[in-house]
PDB file of all heavy atoms in Angstrom:
ATOM      1  N   GLN A   1      -1.959  70.528 153.966  1.00  0.00           N
ATOM      2  CA  GLN A   1      -1.422  71.710 153.325  1.00  0.00           C
ATOM      3  C   GLN A   1      -0.387  72.343 154.249  1.00  0.00           C
ATOM      4  O   GLN A   1      -0.718  72.770 155.352  1.00  0.00           O
ATOM      5  CB  GLN A   1      -2.534  72.720 153.012  1.00  0.00           C
ATOM      6  CG  GLN A   1      -2.065  74.013 152.381  1.00  0.00           C
ATOM      7  CD  GLN A   1      -1.611  73.832 150.944  1.00  0.00           C
ATOM      8  OE1 GLN A   1      -2.017  72.872 150.285  1.00  0.00           O
ATOM      9  NE2 GLN A   1      -0.791  74.734 150.465  1.00  0.00           N
ATOM     10  N   VAL A   2       0.849  72.422 153.787  1.00  0.00           N
ATOM     11  CA  VAL A   2       1.920  73.007 154.570  1.00  0.00           C
ATOM     12  C   VAL A   2       1.813  74.524 154.514  1.00  0.00           C
ATOM     13  O   VAL A   2       1.613  75.111 153.442  1.00  0.00           O
ATOM     14  CB  VAL A   2       3.298  72.558 154.052  1.00  0.00           C
ATOM     15  CG1 VAL A   2       4.417  73.316 154.753  1.00  0.00           C
ATOM     16  CG2 VAL A   2       3.466  71.058 154.262  1.00  0.00           C
ATOM     17  N   GLN A   3       1.960  75.163 155.670  1.00  0.00           N
ATOM     18  CA  GLN A   3       1.973  76.613 155.758  1.00  0.00           C
ATOM     19  C   GLN A   3       3.319  77.078 156.302  1.00  0.00           C
ATOM     20  O   GLN A   3       3.803  76.546 157.300  1.00  0.00           O
ATOM     21  CB  GLN A   3       0.853  77.118 156.664  1.00  0.00           C
ATOM     22  CG  GLN A   3      -0.542  76.694 156.247  1.00  0.00           C
ATOM     23  CD  GLN A   3      -1.004  77.386 154.986  1.00  0.00           C
ATOM     24  OE1 GLN A   3      -0.618  78.518 154.707  1.00  0.00           O
ATOM     25  NE2 GLN A   3      -1.839  76.699 154.225  1.00  0.00           N
ATOM     26  N   LEU A   4       3.896  78.073 155.649  1.00  0.00           N
ATOM     27  CA  LEU A   4       5.127  78.711 156.092  1.00  0.00           C
ATOM     28  C   LEU A   4       4.843  80.194 156.257  1.00  0.00           C
ATOM     29  O   LEU A   4       4.398  80.845 155.311  1.00  0.00           O
ATOM     30  CB  LEU A   4       6.256  78.503 155.087  1.00  0.00           C
ATOM     31  CG  LEU A   4       6.616  77.056 154.743  1.00  0.00           C
ATOM     32  CD1 LEU A   4       7.664  77.022 153.640  1.00  0.00           C
ATOM     33  CD2 LEU A   4       7.133  76.322 155.971  1.00  0.00           C
ATOM     34  N   VAL A   5       5.102  80.728 157.426  1.00  0.00           N
ATOM     35  CA  VAL A   5       4.785  82.116 157.729  1.00  0.00           C
ATOM     36  C   VAL A   5       6.052  82.834 158.149  1.00  0.00           C
ATOM     37  O   VAL A   5       6.655  82.486 159.173  1.00  0.00           O
ATOM     38  CB  VAL A   5       3.713  82.225 158.825  1.00  0.00           C
ATOM     39  CG1 VAL A   5       3.402  83.689 159.111  1.00  0.00           C
ATOM     40  CG2 VAL A   5       2.449  81.486 158.414  1.00  0.00           C
ATOM     41  N   GLU A   6       6.440  83.852 157.375  1.00  0.00           N
ATOM     42  CA  GLU A   6       7.626  84.643 157.667  1.00  0.00           C
ATOM     43  C   GLU A   6       7.264  85.871 158.481  1.00  0.00           C
ATOM     44  O   GLU A   6       6.158  86.407 158.361  1.00  0.00           O
ATOM     45  CB  GLU A   6       8.318  85.096 156.373  1.00  0.00           C
ATOM     46  CG  GLU A   6       8.720  83.971 155.443  1.00  0.00           C
ATOM     47  CD  GLU A   6       7.724  83.759 154.325  1.00  0.00           C
ATOM     48  OE1 GLU A   6       6.517  83.988 154.540  1.00  0.00           O
ATOM     49  OE2 GLU A   6       8.166  83.370 153.221  1.00  0.00           O
ATOM     50  N   SER A   7       8.212  86.333 159.262  1.00  0.00           N
ATOM     51  CA  SER A   7       8.058  87.572 160.006  1.00  0.00           C
ATOM     52  C   SER A   7       9.439  88.130 160.311  1.00  0.00           C
ATOM     53  O   SER A   7      10.449  87.463 160.104  1.00  0.00           O
ATOM     54  CB  SER A   7       7.268  87.359 161.303  1.00  0.00           C
ATOM     55  OG  SER A   7       7.952  86.479 162.177  1.00  0.00           O
ATOM     56  N   GLY A   8       9.476  89.351 160.809  1.00  0.00           N
ATOM     57  CA  GLY A   8      10.721  89.961 161.234  1.00  0.00           C
ATOM     58  C   GLY A   8      11.268  91.013 160.301  1.00  0.00           C
ATOM     59  O   GLY A   8      12.241  91.687 160.649  1.00  0.00           O
ATOM     60  N   GLY A   9      10.671  91.169 159.133  1.00  0.00           N
ATOM     61  CA  GLY A   9      11.123  92.195 158.219  1.00  0.00           C
ATOM     62  C   GLY A   9      10.758  93.576 158.708  1.00  0.00           C
ATOM     63  O   GLY A   9       9.987  93.751 159.653  1.00  0.00           O
ATOM     64  N   GLY A  10      11.337  94.569 158.060  1.00  0.00           N
ATOM     65  CA  GLY A  10      11.072  95.943 158.429  1.00  0.00           C
ATOM     66  C   GLY A  10      12.079  96.878 157.823  1.00  0.00           C
ATOM     67  O   GLY A  10      12.831  96.511 156.916  1.00  0.00           O
ATOM     68  N   LEU A  11      12.096  98.095 158.332  1.00  0.00           N
ATOM     69  CA  LEU A  11      12.996  99.139 157.870  1.00  0.00           C
ATOM     70  C   LEU A  11      14.177  99.241 158.824  1.00  0.00           C
ATOM     71  O   LEU A  11      13.991  99.335 160.044  1.00  0.00           O
ATOM     72  CB  LEU A  11      12.266 100.481 157.790  1.00  0.00           C
ATOM     73  CG  LEU A  11      13.080 101.699 157.397  1.00  0.00           C
ATOM     74  CD1 LEU A  11      13.613 101.555 155.981  1.00  0.00           C
ATOM     75  CD2 LEU A  11      12.236 102.956 157.534  1.00  0.00           C
ATOM     76  N   VAL A  12      15.375  99.232 158.267  1.00  0.00           N
ATOM     77  CA  VAL A  12      16.578  99.317 159.074  1.00  0.00           C
ATOM     78  C   VAL A  12      17.616 100.137 158.311  1.00  0.00           C
ATOM     79  O   VAL A  12      17.633 100.138 157.076  1.00  0.00           O
ATOM     80  CB  VAL A  12      17.115  97.908 159.410  1.00  0.00           C
ATOM     81  CG1 VAL A  12      17.545  97.166 158.156  1.00  0.00           C
ATOM     82  CG2 VAL A  12      18.249  97.973 160.416  1.00  0.00           C
ATOM     83  N   GLN A  13      18.456 100.842 159.041  1.00  0.00           N
ATOM     84  CA  GLN A  13      19.527 101.608 158.412  1.00  0.00           C
ATOM     85  C   GLN A  13      20.672 100.696 158.012  1.00  0.00           C
ATOM     86  O   GLN A  13      20.900  99.637 158.604  1.00  0.00           O
ATOM     87  CB  GLN A  13      20.045 102.688 159.361  1.00  0.00           C
ATOM     88  CG  GLN A  13      19.061 103.808 159.616  1.00  0.00           C
ATOM     89  CD  GLN A  13      19.665 104.943 160.419  1.00  0.00           C
ATOM     90  OE1 GLN A  13      20.770 104.834 160.951  1.00  0.00           O
ATOM     91  NE2 GLN A  13      18.950 106.046 160.502  1.00  0.00           N
ATOM     92  N   ALA A  14      21.394 101.113 156.978  1.00  0.00           N
ATOM     93  CA  ALA A  14      22.579 100.377 156.560  1.00  0.00           C
ATOM     94  C   ALA A  14      23.521 100.185 157.736  1.00  0.00           C
ATOM     95  O   ALA A  14      23.747 101.104 158.528  1.00  0.00           O
ATOM     96  CB  ALA A  14      23.282 101.109 155.424  1.00  0.00           C
ATOM     97  N   GLY A  15      24.055  98.979 157.833  1.00  0.00           N
ATOM     98  CA  GLY A  15      24.907  98.622 158.948  1.00  0.00           C
ATOM     99  C   GLY A  15      24.165  97.966 160.093  1.00  0.00           C
ATOM    100  O   GLY A  15      24.803  97.407 160.995  1.00  0.00           O
ATOM    101  N   GLY A  16      22.859  98.013 160.061  1.00  0.00           N
ATOM    102  CA  GLY A  16      22.053  97.430 161.117  1.00  0.00           C
ATOM    103  C   GLY A  16      21.794  95.956 160.903  1.00  0.00           C
ATOM    104  O   GLY A  16      22.303  95.331 159.972  1.00  0.00           O
ATOM    105  N   SER A  17      20.954  95.400 161.772  1.00  0.00           N
ATOM    106  CA  SER A  17      20.678  93.969 161.772  1.00  0.00           C
ATOM    107  C   SER A  17      19.183  93.705 161.875  1.00  0.00           C
ATOM    108  O   SER A  17      18.422  94.505 162.433  1.00  0.00           O
ATOM    109  CB  SER A  17      21.378  93.276 162.948  1.00  0.00           C
ATOM    110  OG  SER A  17      22.785  93.396 162.867  1.00  0.00           O
ATOM    111  N   LEU A  18      18.773  92.571 161.341  1.00  0.00           N
ATOM    112  CA  LEU A  18      17.427  92.052 161.492  1.00  0.00           C
ATOM    113  C   LEU A  18      17.509  90.542 161.626  1.00  0.00           C
ATOM    114  O   LEU A  18      18.447  89.916 161.126  1.00  0.00           O
ATOM    115  CB  LEU A  18      16.542  92.390 160.294  1.00  0.00           C
ATOM    116  CG  LEU A  18      16.036  93.821 160.134  1.00  0.00           C
ATOM    117  CD1 LEU A  18      15.333  93.965 158.789  1.00  0.00           C
ATOM    118  CD2 LEU A  18      15.091  94.190 161.264  1.00  0.00           C
ATOM    119  N   ARG A  19      16.516  89.966 162.277  1.00  0.00           N
ATOM    120  CA  ARG A  19      16.379  88.521 162.317  1.00  0.00           C
ATOM    121  C   ARG A  19      15.004  88.148 161.793  1.00  0.00           C
ATOM    122  O   ARG A  19      13.985  88.554 162.356  1.00  0.00           O
ATOM    123  CB  ARG A  19      16.568  87.961 163.729  1.00  0.00           C
ATOM    124  CG  ARG A  19      16.622  86.428 163.738  1.00  0.00           C
ATOM    125  CD  ARG A  19      16.811  85.843 165.116  1.00  0.00           C
ATOM    126  NE  ARG A  19      15.617  85.964 165.936  1.00  0.00           N
ATOM    127  CZ  ARG A  19      15.408  85.278 167.052  1.00  0.00           C
ATOM    128  NH1 ARG A  19      16.329  84.416 167.484  1.00  0.00           N
ATOM    129  NH2 ARG A  19      14.297  85.469 167.746  1.00  0.00           N
ATOM    130  N   LEU A  20      14.987  87.376 160.724  1.00  0.00           N
ATOM    131  CA  LEU A  20      13.756  86.892 160.147  1.00  0.00           C
ATOM    132  C   LEU A  20      13.409  85.524 160.725  1.00  0.00           C
ATOM    133  O   LEU A  20      14.296  84.729 161.033  1.00  0.00           O
ATOM    134  CB  LEU A  20      13.868  86.778 158.630  1.00  0.00           C
ATOM    135  CG  LEU A  20      14.352  88.023 157.881  1.00  0.00           C
ATOM    136  CD1 LEU A  20      14.326  87.767 156.379  1.00  0.00           C
ATOM    137  CD2 LEU A  20      13.511  89.235 158.243  1.00  0.00           C
ATOM    138  N   SER A  21      12.116  85.260 160.841  1.00  0.00           N
ATOM    139  CA  SER A  21      11.637  83.977 161.330  1.00  0.00           C
ATOM    140  C   SER A  21      10.697  83.356 160.318  1.00  0.00           C
ATOM    141  O   SER A  21       9.935  84.056 159.646  1.00  0.00           O
ATOM    142  CB  SER A  21      10.890  84.141 162.660  1.00  0.00           C
ATOM    143  OG  SER A  21      11.722  84.657 163.669  1.00  0.00           O
ATOM    144  N   CYS A  22      10.748  82.052 160.204  1.00  0.00           N
ATOM    145  CA  CYS A  22       9.829  81.288 159.374  1.00  0.00           C
ATOM    146  C   CYS A  22       9.266  80.172 160.231  1.00  0.00           C
ATOM    147  O   CYS A  22      10.018  79.287 160.667  1.00  0.00           O
ATOM    148  CB  CYS A  22      10.552  80.721 158.149  1.00  0.00           C
ATOM    149  SG  CYS A  22       9.577  79.555 157.180  1.00  0.00           S
ATOM    150  N   VAL A  23       7.971  80.226 160.479  1.00  0.00           N
ATOM    151  CA  VAL A  23       7.302  79.219 161.295  1.00  0.00           C
ATOM    152  C   VAL A  23       6.530  78.284 160.380  1.00  0.00           C
ATOM    153  O   VAL A  23       5.692  78.729 159.590  1.00  0.00           O
ATOM    154  CB  VAL A  23       6.361  79.866 162.320  1.00  0.00           C
ATOM    155  CG1 VAL A  23       5.684  78.785 163.163  1.00  0.00           C
ATOM    156  CG2 VAL A  23       7.126  80.826 163.222  1.00  0.00           C
ATOM    157  N   ALA A  24       6.805  77.003 160.495  1.00  0.00           N
ATOM    158  CA  ALA A  24       6.149  75.990 159.686  1.00  0.00           C
ATOM    159  C   ALA A  24       4.996  75.358 160.455  1.00  0.00           C
ATOM    160  O   ALA A  24       5.009  75.291 161.693  1.00  0.00           O
ATOM    161  CB  ALA A  24       7.142  74.915 159.262  1.00  0.00           C
ATOM    162  N   SER A  25       4.013  74.869 159.716  1.00  0.00           N
ATOM    163  CA  SER A  25       2.848  74.246 160.324  1.00  0.00           C
ATOM    164  C   SER A  25       3.103  72.813 160.752  1.00  0.00           C
ATOM    165  O   SER A  25       2.221  72.195 161.365  1.00  0.00           O
ATOM    166  CB  SER A  25       1.667  74.290 159.347  1.00  0.00           C
ATOM    167  OG  SER A  25       1.977  73.601 158.156  1.00  0.00           O
ATOM    168  N   GLU A  26       4.255  72.287 160.450  1.00  0.00           N
ATOM    169  CA  GLU A  26       4.645  70.957 160.863  1.00  0.00           C
ATOM    170  C   GLU A  26       6.137  70.944 161.103  1.00  0.00           C
ATOM    171  O   GLU A  26       6.823  71.943 160.851  1.00  0.00           O
ATOM    172  CB  GLU A  26       4.235  69.914 159.824  1.00  0.00           C
ATOM    173  CG  GLU A  26       4.837  70.128 158.455  1.00  0.00           C
ATOM    174  CD  GLU A  26       4.228  69.207 157.423  1.00  0.00           C
ATOM    175  OE1 GLU A  26       3.117  69.510 156.945  1.00  0.00           O
ATOM    176  OE2 GLU A  26       4.854  68.176 157.113  1.00  0.00           O
ATOM    177  N   SER A  27       6.650  69.827 161.572  1.00  0.00           N
ATOM    178  CA  SER A  27       8.060  69.739 161.920  1.00  0.00           C
ATOM    179  C   SER A  27       8.944  70.131 160.744  1.00  0.00           C
ATOM    180  O   SER A  27       8.779  69.636 159.628  1.00  0.00           O
ATOM    181  CB  SER A  27       8.408  68.323 162.370  1.00  0.00           C
ATOM    182  OG  SER A  27       9.800  68.194 162.564  1.00  0.00           O
ATOM    183  N   ILE A  28       9.900  71.024 160.999  1.00  0.00           N
ATOM    184  CA  ILE A  28      10.829  71.392 159.934  1.00  0.00           C
ATOM    185  C   ILE A  28      11.771  70.245 159.597  1.00  0.00           C
ATOM    186  O   ILE A  28      12.414  70.268 158.544  1.00  0.00           O
ATOM    187  CB  ILE A  28      11.627  72.666 160.293  1.00  0.00           C
ATOM    188  CG1 ILE A  28      12.422  72.471 161.584  1.00  0.00           C
ATOM    189  CG2 ILE A  28      10.693  73.859 160.404  1.00  0.00           C
ATOM    190  CD1 ILE A  28      13.304  73.662 161.927  1.00  0.00           C
ATOM    191  N   LEU A  29      11.844  69.251 160.449  1.00  0.00           N
ATOM    192  CA  LEU A  29      12.640  68.067 160.157  1.00  0.00           C
ATOM    193  C   LEU A  29      11.926  67.118 159.196  1.00  0.00           C
ATOM    194  O   LEU A  29      12.503  66.107 158.793  1.00  0.00           O
ATOM    195  CB  LEU A  29      13.005  67.328 161.446  1.00  0.00           C
ATOM    196  CG  LEU A  29      13.912  68.101 162.399  1.00  0.00           C
ATOM    197  CD1 LEU A  29      14.208  67.285 163.644  1.00  0.00           C
ATOM    198  CD2 LEU A  29      15.207  68.501 161.711  1.00  0.00           C
ATOM    199  N   SER A  30      10.685  67.436 158.835  1.00  0.00           N
ATOM    200  CA  SER A  30      10.011  66.689 157.787  1.00  0.00           C
ATOM    201  C   SER A  30      10.431  67.150 156.399  1.00  0.00           C
ATOM    202  O   SER A  30      10.013  66.555 155.403  1.00  0.00           O
ATOM    203  CB  SER A  30       8.492  66.807 157.936  1.00  0.00           C
ATOM    204  OG  SER A  30       8.034  68.111 157.637  1.00  0.00           O
ATOM    205  N   PHE A  31      11.240  68.206 156.335  1.00  0.00           N
ATOM    206  CA  PHE A  31      11.761  68.724 155.079  1.00  0.00           C
ATOM    207  C   PHE A  31      13.211  68.296 154.895  1.00  0.00           C
ATOM    208  O   PHE A  31      13.961  68.181 155.872  1.00  0.00           O
ATOM    209  CB  PHE A  31      11.674  70.252 155.041  1.00  0.00           C
ATOM    210  CG  PHE A  31      10.282  70.786 155.156  1.00  0.00           C
ATOM    211  CD1 PHE A  31       9.754  71.123 156.392  1.00  0.00           C
ATOM    212  CD2 PHE A  31       9.493  70.950 154.032  1.00  0.00           C
ATOM    213  CE1 PHE A  31       8.468  71.606 156.511  1.00  0.00           C
ATOM    214  CE2 PHE A  31       8.202  71.437 154.136  1.00  0.00           C
ATOM    215  CZ  PHE A  31       7.689  71.765 155.379  1.00  0.00           C
ATOM    216  N   ASN A  32      13.586  68.101 153.652  1.00  0.00           N
ATOM    217  CA  ASN A  32      14.990  67.833 153.358  1.00  0.00           C
ATOM    218  C   ASN A  32      15.853  69.036 153.712  1.00  0.00           C
ATOM    219  O   ASN A  32      16.973  68.880 154.206  1.00  0.00           O
ATOM    220  CB  ASN A  32      15.151  67.471 151.880  1.00  0.00           C
ATOM    221  CG  ASN A  32      16.600  67.295 151.483  1.00  0.00           C
ATOM    222  OD1 ASN A  32      17.169  68.144 150.794  1.00  0.00           O
ATOM    223  ND2 ASN A  32      17.201  66.199 151.911  1.00  0.00           N
ATOM    224  N   ALA A  33      15.320  70.224 153.456  1.00  0.00           N
ATOM    225  CA  ALA A  33      16.029  71.456 153.762  1.00  0.00           C
ATOM    226  C   ALA A  33      15.023  72.582 153.910  1.00  0.00           C
ATOM    227  O   ALA A  33      13.934  72.543 153.327  1.00  0.00           O
ATOM    228  CB  ALA A  33      17.048  71.802 152.674  1.00  0.00           C
ATOM    229  N   MET A  34      15.405  73.583 154.686  1.00  0.00           N
ATOM    230  CA  MET A  34      14.665  74.827 154.789  1.00  0.00           C
ATOM    231  C   MET A  34      15.587  75.943 154.328  1.00  0.00           C
ATOM    232  O   MET A  34      16.763  75.960 154.691  1.00  0.00           O
ATOM    233  CB  MET A  34      14.207  75.088 156.217  1.00  0.00           C
ATOM    234  CG  MET A  34      13.295  74.026 156.802  1.00  0.00           C
ATOM    235  SD  MET A  34      11.657  74.017 156.023  1.00  0.00           S
ATOM    236  CE  MET A  34      11.058  75.656 156.458  1.00  0.00           C
ATOM    237  N   GLY A  35      15.057  76.874 153.558  1.00  0.00           N
ATOM    238  CA  GLY A  35      15.893  77.927 153.018  1.00  0.00           C
ATOM    239  C   GLY A  35      15.215  79.274 152.973  1.00  0.00           C
ATOM    240  O   GLY A  35      13.993  79.389 153.105  1.00  0.00           O
ATOM    241  N   TRP A  36      16.046  80.297 152.800  1.00  0.00           N
ATOM    242  CA  TRP A  36      15.615  81.666 152.601  1.00  0.00           C
ATOM    243  C   TRP A  36      16.036  82.109 151.207  1.00  0.00           C
ATOM    244  O   TRP A  36      17.188  81.876 150.792  1.00  0.00           O
ATOM    245  CB  TRP A  36      16.220  82.607 153.641  1.00  0.00           C
ATOM    246  CG  TRP A  36      15.641  82.435 155.006  1.00  0.00           C
ATOM    247  CD1 TRP A  36      16.144  81.680 156.019  1.00  0.00           C
ATOM    248  CD2 TRP A  36      14.450  83.050 155.509  1.00  0.00           C
ATOM    249  NE1 TRP A  36      15.339  81.776 157.126  1.00  0.00           N
ATOM    250  CE2 TRP A  36      14.293  82.614 156.844  1.00  0.00           C
ATOM    251  CE3 TRP A  36      13.509  83.916 154.968  1.00  0.00           C
ATOM    252  CZ2 TRP A  36      13.221  83.033 157.637  1.00  0.00           C
ATOM    253  CZ3 TRP A  36      12.445  84.330 155.759  1.00  0.00           C
ATOM    254  CH2 TRP A  36      12.313  83.884 157.075  1.00  0.00           C
ATOM    255  N   TYR A  37      15.125  82.751 150.505  1.00  0.00           N
ATOM    256  CA  TYR A  37      15.342  83.222 149.147  1.00  0.00           C
ATOM    257  C   TYR A  37      14.930  84.682 149.020  1.00  0.00           C
ATOM    258  O   TYR A  37      14.126  85.183 149.810  1.00  0.00           O
ATOM    259  CB  TYR A  37      14.529  82.393 148.148  1.00  0.00           C
ATOM    260  CG  TYR A  37      14.975  80.958 148.023  1.00  0.00           C
ATOM    261  CD1 TYR A  37      14.692  80.033 149.019  1.00  0.00           C
ATOM    262  CD2 TYR A  37      15.671  80.522 146.901  1.00  0.00           C
ATOM    263  CE1 TYR A  37      15.095  78.716 148.910  1.00  0.00           C
ATOM    264  CE2 TYR A  37      16.076  79.200 146.778  1.00  0.00           C
ATOM    265  CZ  TYR A  37      15.784  78.309 147.786  1.00  0.00           C
ATOM    266  OH  TYR A  37      16.181  76.995 147.666  1.00  0.00           O
ATOM    267  N   ARG A  38      15.476  85.355 148.014  1.00  0.00           N
ATOM    268  CA  ARG A  38      15.056  86.699 147.663  1.00  0.00           C
ATOM    269  C   ARG A  38      15.098  86.835 146.153  1.00  0.00           C
ATOM    270  O   ARG A  38      15.657  85.985 145.459  1.00  0.00           O
ATOM    271  CB  ARG A  38      15.927  87.757 148.333  1.00  0.00           C
ATOM    272  CG  ARG A  38      17.379  87.760 147.874  1.00  0.00           C
ATOM    273  CD  ARG A  38      18.208  88.690 148.734  1.00  0.00           C
ATOM    274  NE  ARG A  38      19.584  88.788 148.247  1.00  0.00           N
ATOM    275  CZ  ARG A  38      20.556  89.417 148.882  1.00  0.00           C
ATOM    276  NH1 ARG A  38      20.316  90.017 150.047  1.00  0.00           N
ATOM    277  NH2 ARG A  38      21.781  89.454 148.364  1.00  0.00           N
ATOM    278  N   GLN A  39      14.525  87.907 145.611  1.00  0.00           N
ATOM    279  CA  GLN A  39      14.411  88.073 144.174  1.00  0.00           C
ATOM    280  C   GLN A  39      15.624  88.770 143.582  1.00  0.00           C
ATOM    281  O   GLN A  39      16.154  89.726 144.149  1.00  0.00           O
ATOM    282  CB  GLN A  39      13.157  88.871 143.819  1.00  0.00           C
ATOM    283  CG  GLN A  39      11.877  88.108 144.036  1.00  0.00           C
ATOM    284  CD  GLN A  39      10.663  88.801 143.481  1.00  0.00           C
ATOM    285  OE1 GLN A  39       9.568  88.580 143.947  1.00  0.00           O
ATOM    286  NE2 GLN A  39      10.849  89.633 142.466  1.00  0.00           N
TER     287      GLN A  39
END
């Protein structure tokens, strides 16, 4: 069972920056691609 765990979100003012992280339970090179999505 593959697990993907995101972190790094939070509250920031307009104009600011954040860095999100996604840690996989196995090599990310075992995937064709890794991506970030939103609704």
